[in-house]
Amino acid sequence: MTSPALHLDRVSLTLDGNAGPVAILHEVSLSIAAGETVGIVGPSGSGKSSLLMLMGGLERISSGRIAAFGQDYAAMDEDALARFRRDKMGVVFQSFHLIPTMTALENVAVPLELAGAGDAFERARGALEGVGLGARVDHYPAQMSGGEQQRVALARATVPGPSILLADEPTGNLDGKTGEAIVDLLFSLRERAGERTTLVLVTHDETLARRCDRVLRMTDGRLVADVRGEAA
């Protein structure tokens, strides 16, 4: 039996706050199959972005179990988890997280260089051409619009061919028209990557979430609904 791309079993997250411990997530359980597209929605503070960070191994759970392709995160130290994330995952953030002192080409090449790819810059150039930025490879983030920066971020996240693509409010800092273009590009890149690429998308936009196979709804740190989307 094939292991799910992501499996969470009674996952909880508690963080230290100024007034003491703050419970962020409460015993969330779910499985996401390889190749599935999943949208996560909910009001601000519902825990949806925190859930995505746990899926990416960017935050450690307080209790429960989380695994990707059968690999238990708890069995990996920080270095092993970073290597697993490098080899298996691509992450897109709301705030782009580009390195300001690097050109678009250098930003996209970073994950390939870290993986030891000898053709890192050639592949990075191809990825930028694939998102319509072939003429901007030598430009720095400050020389690009928000939409262009997010295109660079998408190219960087997808160029290694990740098995899991995580996107946290990728249109949150963009105007409506630009956001729609980025979403179309996100789904297009996922399709180009292959049907086995799993996409998990955190968004406040219900219409966008319904483009996925499944829609998960979070409220007060709990998973309260799991319904079929329009792509199912």
C-alpha atoms as a PDB file:
ATOM      1  CA  MET A   1       0.000   0.000   0.000  1.00  0.00           C
ATOM      2  CA  THR A   2       1.370   3.424  -0.987  1.00  0.00           C
ATOM      3  CA  SER A   3       2.015   5.796   1.907  1.00  0.00           C
ATOM      4  CA  PRO A   4       0.073   9.071   1.793  1.00  0.00           C
ATOM      5  CA  ALA A   5       1.995  12.185   0.809  1.00  0.00           C
ATOM      6  CA  LEU A   6       1.121  13.646   4.214  1.00  0.00           C
ATOM      7  CA  HIS A   7      -0.385  11.988   7.261  1.00  0.00           C
ATOM      8  CA  LEU A   8      -1.245  13.761  10.510  1.00  0.00           C
ATOM      9  CA  ASP A   9      -2.453  11.834  13.540  1.00  0.00           C
ATOM     10  CA  ARG A  10      -3.907  13.877  16.428  1.00  0.00           C
ATOM     11  CA  VAL A  11      -1.424  16.691  15.864  1.00  0.00           C
ATOM     12  CA  SER A  12      -1.416  19.526  18.383  1.00  0.00           C
ATOM     13  CA  LEU A  13       0.703  22.659  18.603  1.00  0.00           C
ATOM     14  CA  THR A  14       1.210  24.815  21.690  1.00  0.00           C
ATOM     15  CA  LEU A  15       3.502  27.835  21.689  1.00  0.00           C
ATOM     16  CA  ASP A  16       4.781  30.005  24.513  1.00  0.00           C
ATOM     17  CA  GLY A  17       3.134  33.423  24.695  1.00  0.00           C
ATOM     18  CA  ASN A  18       3.663  36.439  26.936  1.00  0.00           C
ATOM     19  CA  ALA A  19       0.830  35.288  29.204  1.00  0.00           C
ATOM     20  CA  GLY A  20       1.793  31.608  29.095  1.00  0.00           C
ATOM     21  CA  PRO A  21       1.257  28.660  26.726  1.00  0.00           C
ATOM     22  CA  VAL A  22      -1.080  29.259  23.766  1.00  0.00           C
ATOM     23  CA  ALA A  23      -2.823  26.314  22.107  1.00  0.00           C
ATOM     24  CA  ILE A  24      -2.656  26.842  18.319  1.00  0.00           C
ATOM     25  CA  LEU A  25      -3.839  23.457  16.983  1.00  0.00           C
ATOM     26  CA  HIS A  26      -5.928  20.773  18.671  1.00  0.00           C
ATOM     27  CA  GLU A  27      -5.563  17.110  17.665  1.00  0.00           C
ATOM     28  CA  VAL A  28      -5.783  17.559  13.898  1.00  0.00           C
ATOM     29  CA  SER A  29      -5.929  14.267  11.979  1.00  0.00           C
ATOM     30  CA  LEU A  30      -5.921  13.933   8.184  1.00  0.00           C
ATOM     31  CA  SER A  31      -4.293  12.157   5.259  1.00  0.00           C
ATOM     32  CA  ILE A  32      -3.464  13.654   1.871  1.00  0.00           C
ATOM     33  CA  ALA A  33      -2.789  11.305  -1.036  1.00  0.00           C
ATOM     34  CA  ALA A  34       0.049  11.738  -3.498  1.00  0.00           C
ATOM     35  CA  GLY A  35      -1.103  13.951  -6.342  1.00  0.00           C
ATOM     36  CA  GLU A  36      -4.033  15.447  -4.440  1.00  0.00           C
ATOM     37  CA  THR A  37      -4.727  19.186  -4.396  1.00  0.00           C
ATOM     38  CA  VAL A  38      -6.021  20.499  -1.068  1.00  0.00           C
ATOM     39  CA  GLY A  39      -7.187  23.982  -0.104  1.00  0.00           C
ATOM     40  CA  ILE A  40      -7.187  25.041   3.556  1.00  0.00           C
ATOM     41  CA  VAL A  41      -9.548  27.874   4.527  1.00  0.00           C
ATOM     42  CA  GLY A  42     -10.664  29.528   7.742  1.00  0.00           C
ATOM     43  CA  PRO A  43     -10.730  32.885   9.513  1.00  0.00           C
ATOM     44  CA  SER A  44      -7.575  34.672  10.637  1.00  0.00           C
ATOM     45  CA  GLY A  45      -6.098  32.936  13.656  1.00  0.00           C
ATOM     46  CA  SER A  46      -7.794  29.610  12.892  1.00  0.00           C
ATOM     47  CA  GLY A  47      -4.454  27.815  12.608  1.00  0.00           C
ATOM     48  CA  LYS A  48      -4.344  27.177   8.869  1.00  0.00           C
ATOM     49  CA  SER A  49      -0.887  28.681   8.286  1.00  0.00           C
ATOM     50  CA  SER A  50       0.449  26.952  11.400  1.00  0.00           C
ATOM     51  CA  LEU A  51      -0.866  23.664  10.038  1.00  0.00           C
ATOM     52  CA  LEU A  52       0.987  24.261   6.772  1.00  0.00           C
ATOM     53  CA  MET A  53       4.208  25.035   8.646  1.00  0.00           C
ATOM     54  CA  LEU A  54       3.916  21.717  10.484  1.00  0.00           C
ATOM     55  CA  MET A  55       3.360  19.893   7.199  1.00  0.00           C
ATOM     56  CA  GLY A  56       6.558  21.459   5.882  1.00  0.00           C
ATOM     57  CA  GLY A  57       8.545  20.574   8.986  1.00  0.00           C
ATOM     58  CA  LEU A  58       9.133  24.282   9.583  1.00  0.00           C
ATOM     59  CA  GLU A  59       7.619  24.014  13.066  1.00  0.00           C
ATOM     60  CA  ARG A  60       7.758  21.050  15.432  1.00  0.00           C
ATOM     61  CA  ILE A  61       4.519  19.567  16.752  1.00  0.00           C
ATOM     62  CA  SER A  62       3.766  19.518  20.489  1.00  0.00           C
ATOM     63  CA  SER A  63       2.047  16.121  20.369  1.00  0.00           C
ATOM     64  CA  GLY A  64       0.739  13.573  17.888  1.00  0.00           C
ATOM     65  CA  ARG A  65       2.471  12.319  14.772  1.00  0.00           C
ATOM     66  CA  ILE A  66       3.188  13.737  11.335  1.00  0.00           C
ATOM     67  CA  ALA A  67       4.787  11.922   8.417  1.00  0.00           C
ATOM     68  CA  ALA A  68       5.399  12.484   4.707  1.00  0.00           C
ATOM     69  CA  PHE A  69       5.601   9.429   2.443  1.00  0.00           C
ATOM     70  CA  GLY A  70       5.909   7.283   5.554  1.00  0.00           C
ATOM     71  CA  GLN A  71       8.826   9.261   6.974  1.00  0.00           C
ATOM     72  CA  ASP A  72       8.073  10.265  10.572  1.00  0.00           C
ATOM     73  CA  TYR A  73       9.232  13.825  11.229  1.00  0.00           C
ATOM     74  CA  ALA A  74       9.956  12.960  14.868  1.00  0.00           C
ATOM     75  CA  ALA A  75      12.580  10.439  13.729  1.00  0.00           C
ATOM     76  CA  MET A  76      14.569  13.160  11.924  1.00  0.00           C
ATOM     77  CA  ASP A  77      16.838  15.750  13.501  1.00  0.00           C
ATOM     78  CA  GLU A  78      16.869  19.293  12.094  1.00  0.00           C
ATOM     79  CA  ASP A  79      19.538  18.525   9.495  1.00  0.00           C
ATOM     80  CA  ALA A  80      17.761  15.399   8.262  1.00  0.00           C
ATOM     81  CA  LEU A  81      14.450  17.238   8.131  1.00  0.00           C
ATOM     82  CA  ALA A  82      16.059  20.083   6.155  1.00  0.00           C
ATOM     83  CA  ARG A  83      17.452  17.566   3.641  1.00  0.00           C
ATOM     84  CA  PHE A  84      14.059  15.855   3.369  1.00  0.00           C
ATOM     85  CA  ARG A  85      12.378  19.207   2.770  1.00  0.00           C
ATOM     86  CA  ARG A  86      15.035  20.123   0.179  1.00  0.00           C
ATOM     87  CA  ASP A  87      14.531  16.861  -1.717  1.00  0.00           C
ATOM     88  CA  LYS A  88      10.755  16.501  -1.441  1.00  0.00           C
ATOM     89  CA  MET A  89       9.135  19.901  -0.930  1.00  0.00           C
ATOM     90  CA  GLY A  90       8.672  23.327  -2.422  1.00  0.00           C
ATOM     91  CA  VAL A  91       7.254  26.160  -0.311  1.00  0.00           C
ATOM     92  CA  VAL A  92       5.721  29.452  -1.465  1.00  0.00           C
ATOM     93  CA  PHE A  93       5.084  32.194   1.101  1.00  0.00           C
ATOM     94  CA  GLN A  94       2.871  35.278   1.058  1.00  0.00           C
ATOM     95  CA  SER A  95       5.889  37.558   1.491  1.00  0.00           C
ATOM     96  CA  PHE A  96       7.984  35.987  -1.308  1.00  0.00           C
ATOM     97  CA  HIS A  97      11.099  35.476   0.905  1.00  0.00           C
ATOM     98  CA  LEU A  98      13.511  36.175  -1.926  1.00  0.00           C
ATOM     99  CA  ILE A  99      17.143  36.929  -1.056  1.00  0.00           C
ATOM    100  CA  PRO A 100      17.467  40.684  -1.802  1.00  0.00           C
ATOM    101  CA  THR A 101      21.180  40.577  -2.675  1.00  0.00           C
ATOM    102  CA  MET A 102      20.659  37.864  -5.310  1.00  0.00           C
ATOM    103  CA  THR A 103      19.298  38.190  -8.835  1.00  0.00           C
ATOM    104  CA  ALA A 104      16.186  36.320  -9.919  1.00  0.00           C
ATOM    105  CA  LEU A 105      18.409  33.686 -11.537  1.00  0.00           C
ATOM    106  CA  GLU A 106      20.499  33.249  -8.389  1.00  0.00           C
ATOM    107  CA  ASN A 107      17.397  33.024  -6.175  1.00  0.00           C
ATOM    108  CA  VAL A 108      15.900  30.240  -8.287  1.00  0.00           C
ATOM    109  CA  ALA A 109      19.201  28.377  -8.490  1.00  0.00           C
ATOM    110  CA  VAL A 110      19.623  28.248  -4.687  1.00  0.00           C
ATOM    111  CA  PRO A 111      17.721  24.983  -3.980  1.00  0.00           C
ATOM    112  CA  LEU A 112      19.416  23.291  -6.940  1.00  0.00           C
ATOM    113  CA  GLU A 113      22.862  24.373  -5.775  1.00  0.00           C
ATOM    114  CA  LEU A 114      22.113  23.139  -2.267  1.00  0.00           C
ATOM    115  CA  ALA A 115      21.199  19.777  -3.787  1.00  0.00           C
ATOM    116  CA  GLY A 116      24.496  19.707  -5.692  1.00  0.00           C
ATOM    117  CA  ALA A 117      23.000  20.037  -9.183  1.00  0.00           C
ATOM    118  CA  GLY A 118      25.679  20.798 -11.738  1.00  0.00           C
ATOM    119  CA  ASP A 119      23.197  22.421 -14.103  1.00  0.00           C
ATOM    120  CA  ALA A 120      21.597  24.646 -11.466  1.00  0.00           C
ATOM    121  CA  PHE A 121      21.762  27.905 -13.421  1.00  0.00           C
ATOM    122  CA  GLU A 122      20.658  26.361 -16.688  1.00  0.00           C
ATOM    123  CA  ARG A 123      17.599  24.846 -15.008  1.00  0.00           C
ATOM    124  CA  ALA A 124      16.920  28.072 -13.099  1.00  0.00           C
ATOM    125  CA  ARG A 125      16.963  30.044 -16.346  1.00  0.00           C
ATOM    126  CA  GLY A 126      14.490  27.590 -17.880  1.00  0.00           C
ATOM    127  CA  ALA A 127      12.224  27.868 -14.836  1.00  0.00           C
ATOM    128  CA  LEU A 128      12.189  31.667 -15.079  1.00  0.00           C
ATOM    129  CA  GLU A 129      11.360  31.463 -18.767  1.00  0.00           C
ATOM    130  CA  GLY A 130       8.544  29.099 -17.793  1.00  0.00           C
ATOM    131  CA  VAL A 131       6.968  31.758 -15.560  1.00  0.00           C
ATOM    132  CA  GLY A 132       7.406  34.512 -18.149  1.00  0.00           C
ATOM    133  CA  LEU A 133      10.492  36.137 -16.658  1.00  0.00           C
ATOM    134  CA  GLY A 134      13.146  35.158 -19.171  1.00  0.00           C
ATOM    135  CA  ALA A 135      14.020  38.830 -19.645  1.00  0.00           C
ATOM    136  CA  ARG A 136      14.338  39.486 -15.895  1.00  0.00           C
ATOM    137  CA  VAL A 137      16.937  36.885 -14.891  1.00  0.00           C
ATOM    138  CA  ASP A 138      19.548  39.492 -13.932  1.00  0.00           C
ATOM    139  CA  HIS A 139      17.160  41.733 -11.999  1.00  0.00           C
ATOM    140  CA  TYR A 140      17.135  41.950  -8.210  1.00  0.00           C
ATOM    141  CA  PRO A 141      13.918  41.624  -6.158  1.00  0.00           C
ATOM    142  CA  ALA A 142      13.780  45.385  -5.500  1.00  0.00           C
ATOM    143  CA  GLN A 143      13.712  45.965  -9.270  1.00  0.00           C
ATOM    144  CA  MET A 144      10.612  43.788  -9.736  1.00  0.00           C
ATOM    145  CA  SER A 145       6.913  44.195  -8.974  1.00  0.00           C
ATOM    146  CA  GLY A 146       5.177  42.085  -6.356  1.00  0.00           C
ATOM    147  CA  GLY A 147       3.691  39.839  -9.011  1.00  0.00           C
ATOM    148  CA  GLU A 148       7.103  39.330 -10.617  1.00  0.00           C
ATOM    149  CA  GLN A 149       8.671  38.529  -7.248  1.00  0.00           C
ATOM    150  CA  GLN A 150       5.996  35.914  -6.589  1.00  0.00           C
ATOM    151  CA  ARG A 151       6.683  34.402 -10.018  1.00  0.00           C
ATOM    152  CA  VAL A 152      10.335  34.098  -9.035  1.00  0.00           C
ATOM    153  CA  ALA A 153       9.263  32.455  -5.770  1.00  0.00           C
ATOM    154  CA  LEU A 154       7.078  29.997  -7.692  1.00  0.00           C
ATOM    155  CA  ALA A 155       9.940  29.168 -10.041  1.00  0.00           C
ATOM    156  CA  ARG A 156      12.248  28.595  -7.074  1.00  0.00           C
ATOM    157  CA  ALA A 157       9.732  26.331  -5.326  1.00  0.00           C
ATOM    158  CA  THR A 158       8.984  24.198  -8.381  1.00  0.00           C
ATOM    159  CA  VAL A 159      12.327  23.986 -10.207  1.00  0.00           C
ATOM    160  CA  PRO A 160      13.584  20.968  -8.168  1.00  0.00           C
ATOM    161  CA  GLY A 161      10.418  19.019  -9.094  1.00  0.00           C
ATOM    162  CA  PRO A 162       9.055  18.638  -5.544  1.00  0.00           C
ATOM    163  CA  SER A 163       6.720  15.821  -4.558  1.00  0.00           C
ATOM    164  CA  ILE A 164       4.850  18.213  -2.254  1.00  0.00           C
ATOM    165  CA  LEU A 165       4.170  21.888  -3.016  1.00  0.00           C
ATOM    166  CA  LEU A 166       3.014  24.031  -0.076  1.00  0.00           C
ATOM    167  CA  ALA A 167       1.640  27.534  -0.661  1.00  0.00           C
ATOM    168  CA  ASP A 168       0.743  29.916   2.171  1.00  0.00           C
ATOM    169  CA  GLU A 169      -1.545  32.740   0.976  1.00  0.00           C
ATOM    170  CA  PRO A 170       0.468  33.165  -2.257  1.00  0.00           C
ATOM    171  CA  THR A 171      -1.813  36.001  -3.422  1.00  0.00           C
ATOM    172  CA  GLY A 172      -2.071  37.784  -0.070  1.00  0.00           C
ATOM    173  CA  ASN A 173       0.234  40.685  -0.991  1.00  0.00           C
ATOM    174  CA  LEU A 174      -1.023  41.092  -4.558  1.00  0.00           C
ATOM    175  CA  ASP A 175      -3.884  42.961  -6.199  1.00  0.00           C
ATOM    176  CA  GLY A 176      -6.832  40.956  -7.522  1.00  0.00           C
ATOM    177  CA  LYS A 177      -5.799  40.737 -11.174  1.00  0.00           C
ATOM    178  CA  THR A 178      -2.184  39.883 -10.383  1.00  0.00           C
ATOM    179  CA  GLY A 179      -3.322  37.374  -7.765  1.00  0.00           C
ATOM    180  CA  GLU A 180      -5.522  35.584 -10.288  1.00  0.00           C
ATOM    181  CA  ALA A 181      -2.595  35.320 -12.693  1.00  0.00           C
ATOM    182  CA  ILE A 182      -0.366  33.895  -9.946  1.00  0.00           C
ATOM    183  CA  VAL A 183      -2.994  31.304  -8.997  1.00  0.00           C
ATOM    184  CA  ASP A 184      -3.391  30.215 -12.605  1.00  0.00           C
ATOM    185  CA  LEU A 185       0.385  29.912 -12.823  1.00  0.00           C
ATOM    186  CA  LEU A 186       0.531  27.936  -9.571  1.00  0.00           C
ATOM    187  CA  PHE A 187      -1.929  25.325 -10.822  1.00  0.00           C
ATOM    188  CA  SER A 188      -0.238  25.263 -14.233  1.00  0.00           C
ATOM    189  CA  LEU A 189       3.176  24.633 -12.678  1.00  0.00           C
ATOM    190  CA  ARG A 190       1.723  21.903 -10.509  1.00  0.00           C
ATOM    191  CA  GLU A 191       0.239  20.215 -13.588  1.00  0.00           C
ATOM    192  CA  ARG A 192       3.535  20.521 -15.437  1.00  0.00           C
ATOM    193  CA  ALA A 193       5.312  18.928 -12.494  1.00  0.00           C
ATOM    194  CA  GLY A 194       3.123  15.848 -12.897  1.00  0.00           C
ATOM    195  CA  GLU A 195       0.020  14.276 -11.448  1.00  0.00           C
ATOM    196  CA  ARG A 196       1.956  12.856  -8.506  1.00  0.00           C
ATOM    197  CA  THR A 197       2.805  16.324  -7.198  1.00  0.00           C
ATOM    198  CA  THR A 198       0.706  17.117  -4.129  1.00  0.00           C
ATOM    199  CA  LEU A 199      -0.446  20.727  -3.656  1.00  0.00           C
ATOM    200  CA  VAL A 200      -1.556  22.106  -0.293  1.00  0.00           C
ATOM    201  CA  LEU A 201      -2.798  25.678  -0.509  1.00  0.00           C
ATOM    202  CA  VAL A 202      -3.688  27.966   2.409  1.00  0.00           C
ATOM    203  CA  THR A 203      -5.992  30.771   1.302  1.00  0.00           C
ATOM    204  CA  HIS A 204      -8.708  33.122   2.525  1.00  0.00           C
ATOM    205  CA  ASP A 205     -10.349  32.869  -0.897  1.00  0.00           C
ATOM    206  CA  GLU A 206     -13.115  30.236  -0.915  1.00  0.00           C
ATOM    207  CA  THR A 207     -13.377  30.318  -4.713  1.00  0.00           C
ATOM    208  CA  LEU A 208      -9.687  29.604  -5.045  1.00  0.00           C
ATOM    209  CA  ALA A 209      -9.859  26.765  -2.517  1.00  0.00           C
ATOM    210  CA  ARG A 210     -12.678  25.108  -4.442  1.00  0.00           C
ATOM    211  CA  ARG A 211     -10.358  24.704  -7.435  1.00  0.00           C
ATOM    212  CA  CYS A 212      -8.712  21.929  -5.412  1.00  0.00           C
ATOM    213  CA  ASP A 213      -9.782  18.288  -5.016  1.00  0.00           C
ATOM    214  CA  ARG A 214     -10.577  18.860  -1.332  1.00  0.00           C
ATOM    215  CA  VAL A 215     -11.302  21.839   0.885  1.00  0.00           C
ATOM    216  CA  LEU A 216     -10.376  21.706   4.582  1.00  0.00           C
ATOM    217  CA  ARG A 217     -11.924  24.250   6.928  1.00  0.00           C
ATOM    218  CA  MET A 218     -10.183  25.321  10.126  1.00  0.00           C
ATOM    219  CA  THR A 219     -11.831  27.025  13.116  1.00  0.00           C
ATOM    220  CA  ASP A 220     -10.112  27.778  16.443  1.00  0.00           C
ATOM    221  CA  GLY A 221      -7.253  25.395  15.711  1.00  0.00           C
ATOM    222  CA  ARG A 222      -9.503  22.493  14.781  1.00  0.00           C
ATOM    223  CA  LEU A 223     -10.324  20.816  11.500  1.00  0.00           C
ATOM    224  CA  VAL A 224     -14.109  21.218  11.284  1.00  0.00           C
ATOM    225  CA  ALA A 225     -14.873  20.275   7.672  1.00  0.00           C
ATOM    226  CA  ASP A 226     -13.348  18.216   4.871  1.00  0.00           C
ATOM    227  CA  VAL A 227     -15.356  18.477   1.643  1.00  0.00           C
ATOM    228  CA  ARG A 228     -14.835  17.787  -2.044  1.00  0.00           C
ATOM    229  CA  GLY A 229     -13.729  20.659  -4.264  1.00  0.00           C
ATOM    230  CA  GLU A 230     -14.545  21.332  -7.883  1.00  0.00           C
ATOM    231  CA  ALA A 231     -11.487  19.470  -9.166  1.00  0.00           C
ATOM    232  CA  ALA A 232     -12.502  16.187  -7.499  1.00  0.00           C
END
